[in-house]
C-alpha atoms as a PDB file:
ATOM      1  CA  MET A   1     -13.967 -19.597   3.902  1.00  0.00           C
ATOM      2  CA  GLU A   2     -12.842 -20.805   0.520  1.00  0.00           C
ATOM      3  CA  ASN A   3      -9.061 -20.881   0.922  1.00  0.00           C
ATOM      4  CA  GLU A   4      -6.292 -19.979   3.369  1.00  0.00           C
ATOM      5  CA  MET A   5      -2.584 -19.243   3.137  1.00  0.00           C
ATOM      6  CA  LYS A   6       0.052 -18.755   5.839  1.00  0.00           C
ATOM      7  CA  LEU A   7       3.455 -17.252   5.200  1.00  0.00           C
ATOM      8  CA  GLU A   8       6.357 -16.856   7.627  1.00  0.00           C
ATOM      9  CA  ILE A   9       9.287 -14.618   6.696  1.00  0.00           C
ATOM     10  CA  LYS A  10      12.334 -13.198   8.434  1.00  0.00           C
ATOM     11  CA  SER A  11      12.192  -9.491   9.198  1.00  0.00           C
ATOM     12  CA  LYS A  12      14.539  -8.510   6.386  1.00  0.00           C
ATOM     13  CA  SER A  13      13.710  -5.713   3.977  1.00  0.00           C
ATOM     14  CA  SER A  14      14.534  -7.997   1.059  1.00  0.00           C
ATOM     15  CA  ASN A  15      11.510 -10.154   2.068  1.00  0.00           C
ATOM     16  CA  GLU A  16       9.017  -7.303   1.756  1.00  0.00           C
ATOM     17  CA  ALA A  17       8.695  -7.644  -2.049  1.00  0.00           C
ATOM     18  CA  PHE A  18       8.326 -11.428  -1.711  1.00  0.00           C
ATOM     19  CA  ALA A  19       5.496 -11.007   0.824  1.00  0.00           C
ATOM     20  CA  ARG A  20       3.731  -8.441  -1.352  1.00  0.00           C
ATOM     21  CA  VAL A  21       3.905 -10.597  -4.510  1.00  0.00           C
ATOM     22  CA  THR A  22       2.949 -13.796  -2.659  1.00  0.00           C
ATOM     23  CA  VAL A  23      -0.198 -12.254  -1.177  1.00  0.00           C
ATOM     24  CA  ALA A  24      -1.093 -10.751  -4.566  1.00  0.00           C
ATOM     25  CA  ALA A  25      -0.687 -14.148  -6.238  1.00  0.00           C
ATOM     26  CA  PHE A  26      -2.933 -15.715  -3.602  1.00  0.00           C
ATOM     27  CA  ALA A  27      -5.524 -12.898  -3.977  1.00  0.00           C
ATOM     28  CA  SER A  28      -5.577 -13.402  -7.738  1.00  0.00           C
ATOM     29  CA  GLN A  29      -7.882 -16.399  -7.189  1.00  0.00           C
ATOM     30  CA  LEU A  30     -10.689 -13.839  -6.633  1.00  0.00           C
ATOM     31  CA  ASP A  31     -10.049 -12.339 -10.086  1.00  0.00           C
ATOM     32  CA  PRO A  32      -9.363  -8.793  -8.828  1.00  0.00           C
ATOM     33  CA  THR A  33      -8.892  -5.809 -11.093  1.00  0.00           C
ATOM     34  CA  PHE A  34      -5.368  -4.475 -11.604  1.00  0.00           C
ATOM     35  CA  GLU A  35      -6.238  -1.609  -9.250  1.00  0.00           C
ATOM     36  CA  GLU A  36      -7.545  -3.927  -6.515  1.00  0.00           C
ATOM     37  CA  LEU A  37      -4.413  -6.040  -6.774  1.00  0.00           C
ATOM     38  CA  ALA A  38      -2.206  -2.912  -6.609  1.00  0.00           C
ATOM     39  CA  ASP A  39      -4.110  -1.771  -3.485  1.00  0.00           C
ATOM     40  CA  ILE A  40      -3.502  -5.151  -1.783  1.00  0.00           C
ATOM     41  CA  LYS A  41       0.184  -5.168  -2.702  1.00  0.00           C
ATOM     42  CA  THR A  42       0.680  -1.630  -1.402  1.00  0.00           C
ATOM     43  CA  ALA A  43      -1.107  -2.304   1.902  1.00  0.00           C
ATOM     44  CA  VAL A  44       0.866  -5.517   2.506  1.00  0.00           C
ATOM     45  CA  SER A  45       4.088  -3.716   1.646  1.00  0.00           C
ATOM     46  CA  GLU A  46       3.337  -0.994   4.214  1.00  0.00           C
ATOM     47  CA  ALA A  47       2.400  -3.479   6.940  1.00  0.00           C
ATOM     48  CA  VAL A  48       5.493  -5.647   6.403  1.00  0.00           C
ATOM     49  CA  THR A  49       7.770  -2.591   6.254  1.00  0.00           C
ATOM     50  CA  ASN A  50       6.281  -1.321   9.541  1.00  0.00           C
ATOM     51  CA  SER A  51       7.014  -4.672  11.178  1.00  0.00           C
ATOM     52  CA  ILE A  52      10.636  -4.609   9.987  1.00  0.00           C
ATOM     53  CA  ILE A  53      11.433  -0.960  10.772  1.00  0.00           C
ATOM     54  CA  HIS A  54       9.267  -0.278  13.829  1.00  0.00           C
ATOM     55  CA  GLY A  55       8.382  -3.691  15.288  1.00  0.00           C
ATOM     56  CA  TYR A  56      11.773  -5.267  15.132  1.00  0.00           C
ATOM     57  CA  GLU A  57      13.835  -2.109  14.565  1.00  0.00           C
ATOM     58  CA  ASN A  58      15.896  -3.959  11.979  1.00  0.00           C
ATOM     59  CA  LYS A  59      16.711  -6.753  14.432  1.00  0.00           C
ATOM     60  CA  LYS A  60      16.021 -10.377  13.592  1.00  0.00           C
ATOM     61  CA  GLY A  61      12.465 -11.544  13.989  1.00  0.00           C
ATOM     62  CA  ILE A  62       9.661 -13.408  12.266  1.00  0.00           C
ATOM     63  CA  ILE A  63       6.695 -11.895  10.491  1.00  0.00           C
ATOM     64  CA  HIS A  64       3.583 -14.019   9.993  1.00  0.00           C
ATOM     65  CA  ILE A  65       1.193 -13.242   7.169  1.00  0.00           C
ATOM     66  CA  ASN A  66      -2.146 -15.023   7.226  1.00  0.00           C
ATOM     67  CA  CYS A  67      -4.591 -14.692   4.354  1.00  0.00           C
ATOM     68  CA  LYS A  68      -8.148 -15.966   4.018  1.00  0.00           C
ATOM     69  CA  LEU A  69     -10.223 -15.884   0.875  1.00  0.00           C
ATOM     70  CA  TYR A  70     -13.984 -15.731   0.922  1.00  0.00           C
ATOM     71  CA  GLU A  71     -16.317 -15.468  -2.061  1.00  0.00           C
ATOM     72  CA  LYS A  72     -15.436 -11.832  -2.850  1.00  0.00           C
ATOM     73  CA  THR A  73     -13.171 -10.849   0.049  1.00  0.00           C
ATOM     74  CA  ILE A  74      -9.612 -11.267   1.188  1.00  0.00           C
ATOM     75  CA  GLU A  75      -8.603 -10.904   4.813  1.00  0.00           C
ATOM     76  CA  ILE A  76      -4.933 -10.350   5.591  1.00  0.00           C
ATOM     77  CA  GLU A  77      -3.149 -10.385   8.950  1.00  0.00           C
ATOM     78  CA  VAL A  78       0.438  -9.192   9.288  1.00  0.00           C
ATOM     79  CA  ILE A  79       1.796 -10.151  12.714  1.00  0.00           C
ATOM     80  CA  ASP A  80       5.115  -9.387  14.352  1.00  0.00           C
ATOM     81  CA  TYR A  81       6.409 -10.162  17.829  1.00  0.00           C
ATOM     82  CA  GLY A  82       8.446  -6.993  18.130  1.00  0.00           C
ATOM     83  CA  LYS A  83       8.318  -4.109  20.544  1.00  0.00           C
ATOM     84  CA  GLY A  84       4.666  -3.153  20.024  1.00  0.00           C
ATOM     85  CA  ILE A  85       3.088   0.256  19.613  1.00  0.00           C
ATOM     86  CA  GLU A  86       2.682   2.458  22.673  1.00  0.00           C
ATOM     87  CA  ASN A  87      -0.364   4.380  21.374  1.00  0.00           C
ATOM     88  CA  VAL A  88      -2.056   2.976  18.256  1.00  0.00           C
ATOM     89  CA  ASP A  89      -4.344   6.029  17.856  1.00  0.00           C
ATOM     90  CA  ILE A  90      -1.348   8.364  17.683  1.00  0.00           C
ATOM     91  CA  ALA A  91       0.581   5.965  15.410  1.00  0.00           C
ATOM     92  CA  LYS A  92      -2.367   5.954  12.967  1.00  0.00           C
ATOM     93  CA  GLN A  93      -2.366   9.736  12.568  1.00  0.00           C
ATOM     94  CA  PRO A  94      -1.214  10.891   9.113  1.00  0.00           C
ATOM     95  CA  LEU A  95       2.420  12.040   9.042  1.00  0.00           C
ATOM     96  CA  TYR A  96       3.194  10.628  12.521  1.00  0.00           C
ATOM     97  CA  THR A  97       6.463   8.735  12.623  1.00  0.00           C
ATOM     98  CA  SER A  98       8.460   7.353  15.537  1.00  0.00           C
ATOM     99  CA  LYS A  99      11.570   7.386  13.320  1.00  0.00           C
ATOM    100  CA  PRO A 100      11.921  10.919  11.896  1.00  0.00           C
ATOM    101  CA  GLU A 101      15.675  10.392  11.530  1.00  0.00           C
ATOM    102  CA  LEU A 102      14.949   7.809   8.838  1.00  0.00           C
ATOM    103  CA  GLU A 103      12.911  10.314   6.822  1.00  0.00           C
ATOM    104  CA  ARG A 104       9.867   8.056   6.978  1.00  0.00           C
ATOM    105  CA  SER A 105       6.660   9.627   5.683  1.00  0.00           C
ATOM    106  CA  GLY A 106       4.495   8.530   8.601  1.00  0.00           C
ATOM    107  CA  MET A 107       1.757   7.488   6.149  1.00  0.00           C
ATOM    108  CA  GLY A 108       1.887   3.669   6.480  1.00  0.00           C
ATOM    109  CA  PHE A 109      -1.358   3.194   8.436  1.00  0.00           C
ATOM    110  CA  THR A 110      -3.072   5.953   6.455  1.00  0.00           C
ATOM    111  CA  ILE A 111      -2.157   4.214   3.204  1.00  0.00           C
ATOM    112  CA  MET A 112      -3.367   0.849   4.513  1.00  0.00           C
ATOM    113  CA  GLU A 113      -6.678   2.385   5.600  1.00  0.00           C
ATOM    114  CA  SER A 114      -7.245   4.135   2.290  1.00  0.00           C
ATOM    115  CA  PHE A 115      -6.367   1.141   0.104  1.00  0.00           C
ATOM    116  CA  MET A 116      -8.303  -1.465   2.083  1.00  0.00           C
ATOM    117  CA  ASP A 117     -11.991  -1.626   3.028  1.00  0.00           C
ATOM    118  CA  GLU A 118     -11.202  -2.343   6.667  1.00  0.00           C
ATOM    119  CA  MET A 119      -8.061  -2.050   8.812  1.00  0.00           C
ATOM    120  CA  LYS A 120      -7.514  -2.705  12.529  1.00  0.00           C
ATOM    121  CA  VAL A 121      -4.345  -2.580  14.581  1.00  0.00           C
ATOM    122  CA  ASP A 122      -3.885  -4.516  17.820  1.00  0.00           C
ATOM    123  CA  SER A 123      -0.635  -4.057  19.694  1.00  0.00           C
ATOM    124  CA  ILE A 124       0.808  -4.897  23.095  1.00  0.00           C
ATOM    125  CA  ILE A 125       4.061  -3.320  24.285  1.00  0.00           C
ATOM    126  CA  GLY A 126       6.821  -5.913  24.356  1.00  0.00           C
ATOM    127  CA  MET A 127       4.679  -8.555  22.657  1.00  0.00           C
ATOM    128  CA  GLY A 128       4.084  -7.283  19.131  1.00  0.00           C
ATOM    129  CA  THR A 129       1.540  -5.989  16.676  1.00  0.00           C
ATOM    130  CA  LYS A 130      -1.188  -7.460  14.491  1.00  0.00           C
ATOM    131  CA  VAL A 131      -2.541  -5.543  11.514  1.00  0.00           C
ATOM    132  CA  PHE A 132      -5.827  -6.901  10.149  1.00  0.00           C
ATOM    133  CA  MET A 133      -6.883  -5.776   6.675  1.00  0.00           C
ATOM    134  CA  LYS A 134      -9.900  -6.685   4.575  1.00  0.00           C
ATOM    135  CA  LYS A 135     -10.496  -5.950   0.896  1.00  0.00           C
ATOM    136  CA  ASN A 136     -13.752  -6.571  -0.961  1.00  0.00           C
ATOM    137  CA  ILE A 137     -13.135  -7.636  -4.586  1.00  0.00           C
ATOM    138  CA  GLY A 138     -15.380  -6.711  -7.496  1.00  0.00           C
ATOM    139  CA  GLU A 139     -17.535  -4.135  -5.714  1.00  0.00           C
ATOM    140  CA  GLY A 140     -16.561  -1.322  -8.050  1.00  0.00           C
ATOM    141  CA  LEU A 141     -18.119  -3.083 -11.071  1.00  0.00           C
END
């Protein structure tokens, strides 16, 4: 591992943009393309938004974001201690949403999977959710 960053934010929607930009700034050490940086920002945005809306259901809580840089890879964990996901496989299906009244698209996990090279979700009811994402930088060259 070459470098590591840990960020702790309150589960407020106003912090989503801060988290996205902070992770992107950290990832910039790997000299990513504009597209790779946009992919990382979008995936982080989706993960943080999921924690706020679904994990904490707009209640107060803390979201931890851990990032590790390797030679040409960034690993990102977005962790909440909210209500957890009952069935991760169902939650990962495109267009599935547990909050249809909020007109959510149900594409958060799908977007994360398509923009990152690897994505895993671990969740325990009543304890929270951890989203692990990995992006290889410079492979498209």
